[in-house]
PDB file of N, CA and C in Angstrom:
ATOM      1  N   MET A   1      28.782  73.471 130.459  1.00  0.00           N
ATOM      2  CA  MET A   1      28.113  72.449 129.801  1.00  0.00           C
ATOM      3  C   MET A   1      26.994  71.514 130.452  1.00  0.00           C
ATOM      4  N   GLY A   2      26.543  71.774 131.555  1.00  0.00           N
ATOM      5  CA  GLY A   2      25.453  71.120 132.271  1.00  0.00           C
ATOM      6  C   GLY A   2      26.060  70.238 133.926  1.00  0.00           C
ATOM      7  N   SER A   3      25.607  69.917 134.292  1.00  0.00           N
ATOM      8  CA  SER A   3      25.536  69.370 136.126  1.00  0.00           C
ATOM      9  C   SER A   3      24.976  67.401 135.635  1.00  0.00           C
ATOM     10  N   THR A   4      25.185  67.275 136.475  1.00  0.00           N
ATOM     11  CA  THR A   4      24.792  66.224 137.222  1.00  0.00           C
ATOM     12  C   THR A   4      24.861  65.232 138.098  1.00  0.00           C
ATOM     13  N   ASP A   5      24.277  63.907 138.995  1.00  0.00           N
ATOM     14  CA  ASP A   5      25.090  63.599 140.009  1.00  0.00           C
ATOM     15  C   ASP A   5      25.917  63.720 140.697  1.00  0.00           C
ATOM     16  N   VAL A   6      26.683  63.375 139.271  1.00  0.00           N
ATOM     17  CA  VAL A   6      27.678  62.569 139.387  1.00  0.00           C
ATOM     18  C   VAL A   6      29.114  63.230 140.428  1.00  0.00           C
ATOM     19  N   ALA A   7      28.875  64.881 140.513  1.00  0.00           N
ATOM     20  CA  ALA A   7      29.633  65.337 141.342  1.00  0.00           C
ATOM     21  C   ALA A   7      29.449  65.107 142.722  1.00  0.00           C
ATOM     22  N   ASP A   8      28.340  64.775 143.182  1.00  0.00           N
ATOM     23  CA  ASP A   8      27.354  64.363 144.627  1.00  0.00           C
ATOM     24  C   ASP A   8      28.283  62.781 145.383  1.00  0.00           C
ATOM     25  N   VAL A   9      28.501  61.999 143.596  1.00  0.00           N
ATOM     26  CA  VAL A   9      29.002  60.953 144.556  1.00  0.00           C
ATOM     27  C   VAL A   9      29.656  60.509 143.884  1.00  0.00           C
ATOM     28  N   SER A  10      30.722  61.093 143.702  1.00  0.00           N
ATOM     29  CA  SER A  10      31.892  61.389 143.363  1.00  0.00           C
ATOM     30  C   SER A  10      33.132  61.809 145.160  1.00  0.00           C
ATOM     31  N   TRP A  11      32.173  62.049 145.179  1.00  0.00           N
ATOM     32  CA  TRP A  11      32.296  62.411 147.159  1.00  0.00           C
ATOM     33  C   TRP A  11      32.418  61.081 147.820  1.00  0.00           C
ATOM     34  N   GLN A  12      31.235  60.327 147.567  1.00  0.00           N
ATOM     35  CA  GLN A  12      30.771  58.902 148.134  1.00  0.00           C
ATOM     36  C   GLN A  12      32.031  57.404 148.019  1.00  0.00           C
ATOM     37  N   THR A  13      32.462  57.581 146.774  1.00  0.00           N
ATOM     38  CA  THR A  13      33.122  56.802 145.257  1.00  0.00           C
ATOM     39  C   THR A  13      33.758  56.703 144.637  1.00  0.00           C
ATOM     40  N   PRO A  14      34.542  56.318 144.516  1.00  0.00           N
ATOM     41  CA  PRO A  14      35.702  57.067 143.526  1.00  0.00           C
ATOM     42  C   PRO A  14      34.931  56.541 142.184  1.00  0.00           C
ATOM     43  N   THR A  15      35.259  57.957 140.990  1.00  0.00           N
ATOM     44  CA  THR A  15      34.685  58.252 139.586  1.00  0.00           C
ATOM     45  C   THR A  15      35.198  57.905 138.313  1.00  0.00           C
ATOM     46  N   ALA A  16      34.593  58.237 137.468  1.00  0.00           N
ATOM     47  CA  ALA A  16      35.776  58.885 136.542  1.00  0.00           C
ATOM     48  C   ALA A  16      34.857  58.712 135.012  1.00  0.00           C
ATOM     49  N   GLN A  17      34.961  59.689 133.960  1.00  0.00           N
ATOM     50  CA  GLN A  17      34.580  59.700 133.166  1.00  0.00           C
ATOM     51  C   GLN A  17      34.996  59.921 131.937  1.00  0.00           C
ATOM     52  N   ILE A  18      34.374  59.207 130.781  1.00  0.00           N
ATOM     53  CA  ILE A  18      34.622  59.818 129.365  1.00  0.00           C
ATOM     54  C   ILE A  18      33.530  60.301 128.297  1.00  0.00           C
ATOM     55  N   ARG A  19      34.028  61.066 127.518  1.00  0.00           N
ATOM     56  CA  ARG A  19      32.985  61.930 126.735  1.00  0.00           C
ATOM     57  C   ARG A  19      33.436  61.068 125.307  1.00  0.00           C
ATOM     58  N   CYS A  20      32.838  60.385 124.315  1.00  0.00           N
ATOM     59  CA  CYS A  20      33.013  59.705 123.002  1.00  0.00           C
ATOM     60  C   CYS A  20      31.769  60.436 122.287  1.00  0.00           C
ATOM     61  N   THR A  21      31.860  60.837 121.331  1.00  0.00           N
ATOM     62  CA  THR A  21      31.259  61.442 120.271  1.00  0.00           C
ATOM     63  C   THR A  21      30.216  60.241 119.565  1.00  0.00           C
ATOM     64  N   THR A  22      28.646  60.541 119.988  1.00  0.00           N
ATOM     65  CA  THR A  22      27.658  59.449 119.844  1.00  0.00           C
ATOM     66  C   THR A  22      26.441  60.722 119.000  1.00  0.00           C
ATOM     67  N   TYR A  23      27.118  61.457 118.904  1.00  0.00           N
ATOM     68  CA  TYR A  23      25.595  62.757 117.891  1.00  0.00           C
ATOM     69  C   TYR A  23      26.470  63.380 117.425  1.00  0.00           C
ATOM     70  N   PRO A  24      25.845  64.420 116.302  1.00  0.00           N
ATOM     71  CA  PRO A  24      26.867  65.325 115.715  1.00  0.00           C
ATOM     72  C   PRO A  24      27.256  66.328 116.296  1.00  0.00           C
ATOM     73  N   ALA A  25      27.780  67.368 116.887  1.00  0.00           N
ATOM     74  CA  ALA A  25      27.945  68.638 117.640  1.00  0.00           C
ATOM     75  C   ALA A  25      27.185  69.296 117.495  1.00  0.00           C
ATOM     76  N   ASN A  26      26.979  69.968 118.810  1.00  0.00           N
ATOM     77  CA  ASN A  26      26.184  71.086 118.181  1.00  0.00           C
ATOM     78  C   ASN A  26      24.610  70.888 118.500  1.00  0.00           C
ATOM     79  N   SER A  27      24.697  69.354 118.525  1.00  0.00           N
ATOM     80  CA  SER A  27      22.910  69.329 118.762  1.00  0.00           C
ATOM     81  C   SER A  27      22.819  69.753 120.267  1.00  0.00           C
ATOM     82  N   PRO A  28      21.534  69.890 120.756  1.00  0.00           N
ATOM     83  CA  PRO A  28      20.752  70.300 121.913  1.00  0.00           C
ATOM     84  C   PRO A  28      21.144  69.403 122.917  1.00  0.00           C
ATOM     85  N   GLY A  29      21.038  68.903 123.734  1.00  0.00           N
ATOM     86  CA  GLY A  29      21.600  68.190 125.094  1.00  0.00           C
ATOM     87  C   GLY A  29      19.526  67.784 124.592  1.00  0.00           C
ATOM     88  N   HIS A  30      19.783  66.051 125.499  1.00  0.00           N
ATOM     89  CA  HIS A  30      18.698  65.836 125.343  1.00  0.00           C
ATOM     90  C   HIS A  30      16.980  66.014 124.651  1.00  0.00           C
ATOM     91  N   SER A  31      18.082  66.085 123.006  1.00  0.00           N
ATOM     92  CA  SER A  31      16.894  65.862 122.146  1.00  0.00           C
ATOM     93  C   SER A  31      16.412  65.122 121.060  1.00  0.00           C
ATOM     94  N   TRP A  32      15.837  65.052 119.744  1.00  0.00           N
ATOM     95  CA  TRP A  32      15.472  64.232 119.058  1.00  0.00           C
ATOM     96  C   TRP A  32      16.540  64.142 118.285  1.00  0.00           C
ATOM     97  N   GLN A  33      17.324  65.265 117.977  1.00  0.00           N
ATOM     98  CA  GLN A  33      18.468  65.073 117.084  1.00  0.00           C
ATOM     99  C   GLN A  33      19.534  63.475 117.704  1.00  0.00           C
ATOM    100  N   ASN A  34      19.923  63.904 118.920  1.00  0.00           N
ATOM    101  CA  ASN A  34      20.468  62.795 119.934  1.00  0.00           C
ATOM    102  C   ASN A  34      19.985  61.762 120.393  1.00  0.00           C
ATOM    103  N   VAL A  35      18.486  61.656 120.153  1.00  0.00           N
ATOM    104  CA  VAL A  35      17.922  60.272 120.366  1.00  0.00           C
ATOM    105  C   VAL A  35      17.965  59.389 119.107  1.00  0.00           C
ATOM    106  N   SER A  36      17.699  60.240 117.746  1.00  0.00           N
ATOM    107  CA  SER A  36      17.601  59.414 116.411  1.00  0.00           C
ATOM    108  C   SER A  36      18.896  58.868 116.641  1.00  0.00           C
ATOM    109  N   CYS A  37      20.258  59.598 116.823  1.00  0.00           N
ATOM    110  CA  CYS A  37      21.694  58.786 116.581  1.00  0.00           C
ATOM    111  C   CYS A  37      21.844  57.056 117.221  1.00  0.00           C
ATOM    112  N   GLY A  38      21.207  57.061 118.305  1.00  0.00           N
ATOM    113  CA  GLY A  38      20.986  56.498 119.408  1.00  0.00           C
ATOM    114  C   GLY A  38      20.678  54.657 118.759  1.00  0.00           C
ATOM    115  N   ASN A  39      20.364  54.774 117.417  1.00  0.00           N
ATOM    116  CA  ASN A  39      19.841  53.645 116.218  1.00  0.00           C
ATOM    117  C   ASN A  39      20.635  53.799 115.356  1.00  0.00           C
ATOM    118  N   SER A  40      21.381  54.311 115.249  1.00  0.00           N
ATOM    119  CA  SER A  40      22.554  54.722 113.816  1.00  0.00           C
ATOM    120  C   SER A  40      24.199  54.371 113.815  1.00  0.00           C
ATOM    121  N   THR A  41      24.602  54.393 112.871  1.00  0.00           N
ATOM    122  CA  THR A  41      25.718  53.808 112.696  1.00  0.00           C
ATOM    123  C   THR A  41      26.822  55.283 113.966  1.00  0.00           C
ATOM    124  N   ILE A  42      26.777  56.838 114.098  1.00  0.00           N
ATOM    125  CA  ILE A  42      27.006  57.285 114.526  1.00  0.00           C
ATOM    126  C   ILE A  42      27.473  56.423 116.173  1.00  0.00           C
ATOM    127  N   GLY A  43      26.158  56.610 116.721  1.00  0.00           N
ATOM    128  CA  GLY A  43      25.351  55.466 117.407  1.00  0.00           C
ATOM    129  C   GLY A  43      26.089  54.373 118.553  1.00  0.00           C
ATOM    130  N   PHE A  44      26.518  53.559 116.781  1.00  0.00           N
ATOM    131  CA  PHE A  44      26.783  52.395 117.507  1.00  0.00           C
ATOM    132  C   PHE A  44      28.333  52.134 118.125  1.00  0.00           C
ATOM    133  N   LYS A  45      29.176  53.227 116.672  1.00  0.00           N
ATOM    134  CA  LYS A  45      30.385  53.649 116.633  1.00  0.00           C
ATOM    135  C   LYS A  45      30.969  53.844 117.945  1.00  0.00           C
ATOM    136  N   GLY A  46      30.341  55.164 118.286  1.00  0.00           N
ATOM    137  CA  GLY A  46      30.159  56.281 119.665  1.00  0.00           C
ATOM    138  C   GLY A  46      31.198  54.621 121.007  1.00  0.00           C
ATOM    139  N   THR A  47      29.625  54.368 120.600  1.00  0.00           N
ATOM    140  CA  THR A  47      29.306  53.311 122.187  1.00  0.00           C
ATOM    141  C   THR A  47      30.526  51.827 121.978  1.00  0.00           C
ATOM    142  N   ILE A  48      30.467  51.742 121.093  1.00  0.00           N
ATOM    143  CA  ILE A  48      31.528  50.085 121.224  1.00  0.00           C
ATOM    144  C   ILE A  48      32.916  50.835 121.274  1.00  0.00           C
ATOM    145  N   ASN A  49      32.919  52.252 121.273  1.00  0.00           N
ATOM    146  CA  ASN A  49      34.489  53.039 121.469  1.00  0.00           C
ATOM    147  C   ASN A  49      34.526  52.981 123.203  1.00  0.00           C
ATOM    148  N   ALA A  50      33.236  54.179 123.277  1.00  0.00           N
ATOM    149  CA  ALA A  50      33.427  53.930 124.750  1.00  0.00           C
ATOM    150  C   ALA A  50      33.614  52.971 125.536  1.00  0.00           C
ATOM    151  N   GLY A  51      32.619  51.444 125.205  1.00  0.00           N
ATOM    152  CA  GLY A  51      33.502  50.078 125.643  1.00  0.00           C
ATOM    153  C   GLY A  51      35.220  50.012 125.691  1.00  0.00           C
ATOM    154  N   LYS A  52      35.791  50.909 124.635  1.00  0.00           N
ATOM    155  CA  LYS A  52      37.115  50.336 124.298  1.00  0.00           C
ATOM    156  C   LYS A  52      37.437  50.802 125.648  1.00  0.00           C
ATOM    157  N   VAL A  53      37.365  51.628 125.275  1.00  0.00           N
ATOM    158  CA  VAL A  53      38.218  53.023 126.639  1.00  0.00           C
ATOM    159  C   VAL A  53      37.989  51.990 127.401  1.00  0.00           C
ATOM    160  N   ILE A  54      36.966  51.706 128.357  1.00  0.00           N
ATOM    161  CA  ILE A  54      36.393  51.913 129.390  1.00  0.00           C
ATOM    162  C   ILE A  54      36.976  49.860 129.977  1.00  0.00           C
ATOM    163  N   ALA A  55      36.880  49.274 128.758  1.00  0.00           N
ATOM    164  CA  ALA A  55      37.769  47.533 129.177  1.00  0.00           C
ATOM    165  C   ALA A  55      39.578  48.395 128.781  1.00  0.00           C
ATOM    166  N   ALA A  56      39.757  48.872 128.117  1.00  0.00           N
ATOM    167  CA  ALA A  56      41.696  49.189 128.458  1.00  0.00           C
ATOM    168  C   ALA A  56      41.998  49.648 129.641  1.00  0.00           C
ATOM    169  N   SER A  57      40.740  50.420 130.400  1.00  0.00           N
ATOM    170  CA  SER A  57      41.595  50.889 131.585  1.00  0.00           C
ATOM    171  C   SER A  57      41.294  49.835 132.567  1.00  0.00           C
ATOM    172  N   ALA A  58      40.375  49.178 132.852  1.00  0.00           N
ATOM    173  CA  ALA A  58      40.235  47.684 133.355  1.00  0.00           C
ATOM    174  C   ALA A  58      41.601  46.664 133.175  1.00  0.00           C
ATOM    175  N   ILE A  59      41.816  46.906 132.165  1.00  0.00           N
ATOM    176  CA  ILE A  59      42.862  46.027 131.708  1.00  0.00           C
ATOM    177  C   ILE A  59      43.964  46.753 132.296  1.00  0.00           C
ATOM    178  N   ASP A  60      44.302  47.407 132.352  1.00  0.00           N
ATOM    179  CA  ASP A  60      45.432  48.837 132.683  1.00  0.00           C
ATOM    180  C   ASP A  60      45.313  48.412 134.385  1.00  0.00           C
ATOM    181  N   ILE A  61      44.124  48.196 134.527  1.00  0.00           N
ATOM    182  CA  ILE A  61      44.303  48.694 136.423  1.00  0.00           C
ATOM    183  C   ILE A  61      44.697  46.709 136.637  1.00  0.00           C
ATOM    184  N   PHE A  62      44.585  46.464 135.840  1.00  0.00           N
ATOM    185  CA  PHE A  62      45.200  45.059 136.534  1.00  0.00           C
ATOM    186  C   PHE A  62      46.410  44.125 135.985  1.00  0.00           C
ATOM    187  N   ILE A  63      46.657  45.250 134.787  1.00  0.00           N
ATOM    188  CA  ILE A  63      47.937  45.304 134.538  1.00  0.00           C
ATOM    189  C   ILE A  63      49.111  45.187 135.294  1.00  0.00           C
ATOM    190  N   ASN A  64      49.078  47.213 135.708  1.00  0.00           N
ATOM    191  CA  ASN A  64      49.049  47.882 136.804  1.00  0.00           C
ATOM    192  C   ASN A  64      48.373  48.370 138.020  1.00  0.00           C
ATOM    193  N   PRO A  65      48.357  46.677 139.262  1.00  0.00           N
ATOM    194  CA  PRO A  65      48.088  47.472 140.401  1.00  0.00           C
ATOM    195  C   PRO A  65      47.643  48.663 140.775  1.00  0.00           C
ATOM    196  N   ASP A  66      48.919  49.608 141.175  1.00  0.00           N
ATOM    197  CA  ASP A  66      49.295  50.894 141.211  1.00  0.00           C
ATOM    198  C   ASP A  66      48.921  51.346 140.955  1.00  0.00           C
ATOM    199  N   VAL A  67      48.316  51.707 139.586  1.00  0.00           N
ATOM    200  CA  VAL A  67      47.309  52.478 139.081  1.00  0.00           C
ATOM    201  C   VAL A  67      45.713  52.931 140.239  1.00  0.00           C
ATOM    202  N   LEU A  68      45.564  51.410 140.608  1.00  0.00           N
ATOM    203  CA  LEU A  68      44.399  51.427 141.530  1.00  0.00           C
ATOM    204  C   LEU A  68      44.927  51.664 143.273  1.00  0.00           C
ATOM    205  N   ILE A  69      45.758  51.917 142.939  1.00  0.00           N
ATOM    206  CA  ILE A  69      46.018  51.937 144.987  1.00  0.00           C
ATOM    207  C   ILE A  69      46.341  53.749 144.643  1.00  0.00           C
ATOM    208  N   GLY A  70      47.225  54.044 143.475  1.00  0.00           N
ATOM    209  CA  GLY A  70      47.178  55.306 143.130  1.00  0.00           C
ATOM    210  C   GLY A  70      46.307  56.289 143.633  1.00  0.00           C
ATOM    211  N   ALA A  71      44.893  55.675 142.964  1.00  0.00           N
ATOM    212  CA  ALA A  71      43.446  56.176 142.942  1.00  0.00           C
ATOM    213  C   ALA A  71      42.819  56.339 143.574  1.00  0.00           C
ATOM    214  N   LYS A  72      42.956  54.783 145.043  1.00  0.00           N
ATOM    215  CA  LYS A  72      43.013  54.928 145.903  1.00  0.00           C
ATOM    216  C   LYS A  72      43.048  55.594 146.829  1.00  0.00           C
ATOM    217  N   GLU A  73      43.943  56.264 147.495  1.00  0.00           N
ATOM    218  CA  GLU A  73      44.883  56.974 147.965  1.00  0.00           C
ATOM    219  C   GLU A  73      44.803  58.479 147.617  1.00  0.00           C
ATOM    220  N   GLU A  74      44.210  58.680 146.140  1.00  0.00           N
ATOM    221  CA  GLU A  74      44.469  60.176 145.933  1.00  0.00           C
ATOM    222  C   GLU A  74      42.877  60.379 146.659  1.00  0.00           C
ATOM    223  N   PHE A  75      41.976  59.554 146.150  1.00  0.00           N
ATOM    224  CA  PHE A  75      40.454  59.440 146.981  1.00  0.00           C
ATOM    225  C   PHE A  75      40.553  60.277 148.088  1.00  0.00           C
ATOM    226  N   GLU A  76      41.498  58.892 149.097  1.00  0.00           N
ATOM    227  CA  GLU A  76      41.083  59.178 150.495  1.00  0.00           C
ATOM    228  C   GLU A  76      41.822  60.992 150.636  1.00  0.00           C
ATOM    229  N   GLU A  77      42.279  61.046 149.867  1.00  0.00           N
ATOM    230  CA  GLU A  77      43.142  62.196 150.472  1.00  0.00           C
ATOM    231  C   GLU A  77      42.327  63.464 150.332  1.00  0.00           C
ATOM    232  N   LYS A  78      41.668  63.790 149.257  1.00  0.00           N
ATOM    233  CA  LYS A  78      40.451  64.453 148.887  1.00  0.00           C
ATOM    234  C   LYS A  78      39.537  64.661 149.434  1.00  0.00           C
ATOM    235  N   THR A  79      39.097  63.159 149.578  1.00  0.00           N
ATOM    236  CA  THR A  79      37.600  63.383 150.777  1.00  0.00           C
ATOM    237  C   THR A  79      37.922  63.173 151.748  1.00  0.00           C
ATOM    238  N   VAL A  80      38.838  62.912 152.930  1.00  0.00           N
ATOM    239  CA  VAL A  80      39.286  63.460 153.835  1.00  0.00           C
ATOM    240  C   VAL A  80      38.312  64.202 154.848  1.00  0.00           C
ATOM    241  N   ASN A  81      37.823  64.990 154.386  1.00  0.00           N
ATOM    242  CA  ASN A  81      36.743  66.076 155.226  1.00  0.00           C
ATOM    243  C   ASN A  81      35.711  65.837 155.339  1.00  0.00           C
ATOM    244  N   GLY A  82      35.095  64.578 153.774  1.00  0.00           N
ATOM    245  CA  GLY A  82      34.128  63.909 154.068  1.00  0.00           C
ATOM    246  C   GLY A  82      33.192  65.214 152.744  1.00  0.00           C
ATOM    247  N   TYR A  83      31.783  65.050 152.740  1.00  0.00           N
ATOM    248  CA  TYR A  83      31.307  65.908 151.142  1.00  0.00           C
ATOM    249  C   TYR A  83      30.455  66.256 152.313  1.00  0.00           C
ATOM    250  N   LEU A  84      30.334  67.603 151.870  1.00  0.00           N
ATOM    251  CA  LEU A  84      29.756  69.468 152.565  1.00  0.00           C
ATOM    252  C   LEU A  84      28.706  69.306 151.446  1.00  0.00           C
ATOM    253  N   CYS A  85      27.324  69.348 151.251  1.00  0.00           N
ATOM    254  CA  CYS A  85      26.308  69.467 150.032  1.00  0.00           C
ATOM    255  C   CYS A  85      26.392  71.396 150.481  1.00  0.00           C
ATOM    256  N   PRO A  86      26.207  71.768 149.342  1.00  0.00           N
ATOM    257  CA  PRO A  86      26.633  73.202 149.157  1.00  0.00           C
ATOM    258  C   PRO A  86      24.974  73.501 149.218  1.00  0.00           C
ATOM    259  N   ILE A  87      24.426  73.238 149.661  1.00  0.00           N
ATOM    260  CA  ILE A  87      22.426  73.117 149.310  1.00  0.00           C
ATOM    261  C   ILE A  87      22.491  73.127 150.627  1.00  0.00           C
ATOM    262  N   PRO A  88      21.810  74.733 151.536  1.00  0.00           N
ATOM    263  CA  PRO A  88      22.111  74.245 153.551  1.00  0.00           C
ATOM    264  C   PRO A  88      20.338  73.675 153.445  1.00  0.00           C
ATOM    265  N   ASP A  89      20.207  72.589 154.159  1.00  0.00           N
ATOM    266  CA  ASP A  89      19.059  72.006 154.631  1.00  0.00           C
ATOM    267  C   ASP A  89      17.995  73.004 154.995  1.00  0.00           C
ATOM    268  N   GLY A  90      16.915  72.180 154.740  1.00  0.00           N
ATOM    269  CA  GLY A  90      15.638  72.858 154.706  1.00  0.00           C
ATOM    270  C   GLY A  90      14.958  73.880 153.179  1.00  0.00           C
ATOM    271  N   VAL A  91      16.374  73.774 152.093  1.00  0.00           N
ATOM    272  CA  VAL A  91      16.513  74.727 151.194  1.00  0.00           C
ATOM    273  C   VAL A  91      14.747  73.397 150.140  1.00  0.00           C
ATOM    274  N   PRO A  92      13.807  74.059 150.201  1.00  0.00           N
ATOM    275  CA  PRO A  92      13.099  73.360 149.219  1.00  0.00           C
ATOM    276  C   PRO A  92      13.268  73.164 147.846  1.00  0.00           C
ATOM    277  N   PRO A  93      13.073  72.341 146.701  1.00  0.00           N
ATOM    278  CA  PRO A  93      13.216  72.130 145.408  1.00  0.00           C
ATOM    279  C   PRO A  93      12.617  73.729 145.167  1.00  0.00           C
ATOM    280  N   THR A  94      12.452  73.960 143.729  1.00  0.00           N
ATOM    281  CA  THR A  94      12.186  75.064 143.036  1.00  0.00           C
ATOM    282  C   THR A  94      12.023  74.336 141.519  1.00  0.00           C
ATOM    283  N   ILE A  95      10.907  75.020 140.525  1.00  0.00           N
ATOM    284  CA  ILE A  95      10.863  74.970 139.791  1.00  0.00           C
ATOM    285  C   ILE A  95      10.806  76.486 138.749  1.00  0.00           C
ATOM    286  N   PRO A  96      12.081  76.087 137.898  1.00  0.00           N
ATOM    287  CA  PRO A  96      12.382  77.430 137.039  1.00  0.00           C
ATOM    288  C   PRO A  96      11.057  78.409 136.464  1.00  0.00           C
ATOM    289  N   GLY A  97      10.864  79.635 136.625  1.00  0.00           N
ATOM    290  CA  GLY A  97       9.485  79.912 136.505  1.00  0.00           C
ATOM    291  C   GLY A  97       8.456  80.529 137.124  1.00  0.00           C
ATOM    292  N   GLN A  98       8.679  78.832 138.115  1.00  0.00           N
ATOM    293  CA  GLN A  98       7.467  79.483 138.572  1.00  0.00           C
ATOM    294  C   GLN A  98       7.254  80.503 139.819  1.00  0.00           C
TER     295      GLN A  98
END
């Protein structure tokens, strides 16, 4: 579906992601269709829903600190060898089509 730098970040600090509907299905990424929904009821409702999920997750952690302890243990276990960037040193960035 796409990529972001969150994969690299997740090797440095625990991360989590959620996806909420904020624009019509099958709209191209970074398109005017998506942008136009930012000031619509679709965008508002999706953003409010995302905020509720994030807030509920924080409440869960406060109520049950074992969740945070388990997440920290899992993070330390999965990152014990550190991060190895798959791009070799010295490789210059390229521009597609050039």
